[in-house]
Amino acid sequence: LSLATDFSRKHVFDPHSPLSAHIMLSGTVTNVNEMEMDFARHSLFIQHPDMKTWPSSHNWFFAKLNLTNVWILDHFGGPKIYFSV
């Protein structure tokens, strides 16, 4: 499940609700190399075709996240902890 899907909208869920599970990714962002460029460009423009026409003067570049940590948060410790903040 992703915030990019329409699952939450179809089921009238708020994807930002603390009751929804969240996944947090951290790592180092690096530029893609020449061998990865075609794949990166194709993957981005398939999902976001309007970006093909964005001005190059904004100095856009393709990057990737080299993961070091994945954290899945599926609860907030119950109502007592949640409301004690």
Protein backbone atom coordinates (compact mmCIF):
# COMPACT_ATOMS: atom_id res chain seq x y z
CA LEU A 1 0.00 0.00 0.00
CA SER A 2 1.34 3.43 -0.92
CA LEU A 3 0.17 7.01 -0.53
CA ALA A 4 0.45 7.10 -4.33
CA THR A 5 -2.40 4.60 -4.76
CA ASP A 6 -6.13 5.25 -4.51
CA PHE A 7 -6.74 2.51 -1.91
CA SER A 8 -7.26 4.97 0.95
CA ARG A 9 -9.56 7.21 -1.12
CA LYS A 10 -11.69 4.26 -2.27
CA HIS A 11 -12.11 3.05 1.30
CA VAL A 12 -12.48 6.56 2.75
CA PHE A 13 -9.28 6.23 4.80
CA ASP A 14 -6.93 9.10 5.55
CA PRO A 15 -3.47 7.83 4.52
CA HIS A 16 -1.85 10.33 6.91
CA SER A 17 -3.89 9.11 9.89
CA PRO A 18 -1.84 7.78 12.79
CA LEU A 19 -4.00 4.66 12.54
CA SER A 20 -2.48 3.83 9.13
CA ALA A 21 0.80 1.94 8.96
CA HIS A 22 3.77 3.94 7.69
CA ILE A 23 7.10 2.95 6.19
CA MET A 24 10.13 5.22 6.52
CA LEU A 25 13.18 4.79 4.32
CA SER A 26 16.56 6.38 4.97
CA GLY A 27 19.87 6.22 3.22
CA THR A 28 22.18 8.12 0.91
CA VAL A 29 20.88 9.89 -2.18
CA THR A 30 23.23 9.57 -5.17
CA ASN A 31 22.99 10.44 -8.85
CA VAL A 32 22.17 7.52 -11.11
CA ASN A 33 25.01 6.42 -13.40
CA GLU A 34 24.85 6.30 -17.20
CA MET A 35 23.81 2.63 -17.22
CA GLU A 36 20.80 3.42 -14.99
CA MET A 37 19.76 6.66 -16.74
CA ASP A 38 17.41 5.16 -19.37
CA PHE A 39 15.61 3.06 -16.77
CA ALA A 40 15.29 6.03 -14.37
CA ARG A 41 14.01 8.36 -17.09
CA HIS A 42 11.49 5.79 -18.40
CA SER A 43 10.24 4.91 -14.89
CA LEU A 44 9.71 8.55 -13.95
CA PHE A 45 8.04 9.68 -17.16
CA ILE A 46 5.68 6.67 -17.28
CA GLN A 47 4.25 7.77 -13.92
CA HIS A 48 4.61 11.54 -14.45
CA PRO A 49 4.51 12.32 -18.21
CA ASP A 50 4.14 16.08 -17.65
CA MET A 51 7.63 16.17 -16.19
CA LYS A 52 9.06 15.65 -19.69
CA THR A 53 8.22 19.29 -20.41
CA TRP A 54 9.57 20.81 -17.20
CA PRO A 55 12.26 23.44 -17.92
CA SER A 56 15.81 22.09 -17.97
CA SER A 57 16.93 25.44 -16.54
CA HIS A 58 15.77 24.14 -13.15
CA ASN A 59 18.72 21.72 -13.26
CA TRP A 60 16.71 18.54 -12.59
CA PHE A 61 18.68 15.33 -12.21
CA PHE A 62 17.97 11.65 -11.63
CA ALA A 63 18.94 10.17 -8.29
CA LYS A 64 18.40 7.01 -6.28
CA LEU A 65 18.22 6.19 -2.58
CA ASN A 66 20.81 3.69 -1.38
CA LEU A 67 18.91 2.27 1.60
CA THR A 68 20.52 1.95 5.00
CA ASN A 69 17.36 1.66 7.13
CA VAL A 70 13.75 0.61 6.68
CA TRP A 71 11.39 1.38 9.55
CA ILE A 72 7.80 0.14 9.56
CA LEU A 73 5.53 1.83 12.05
CA ASP A 74 2.22 0.04 12.43
CA HIS A 75 1.11 1.40 15.78
CA PHE A 76 1.54 4.33 18.15
CA GLY A 77 1.58 2.39 21.41
CA GLY A 78 -2.13 2.58 22.11
CA PRO A 79 -4.43 5.45 23.09
CA LYS A 80 -2.82 6.12 26.49
CA ILE A 81 0.59 6.84 24.95
CA TYR A 82 -0.87 8.58 21.87
CA PHE A 83 -2.97 11.04 23.90
CA SER A 84 -0.26 11.68 26.53
CA VAL A 85 1.85 13.72 24.09
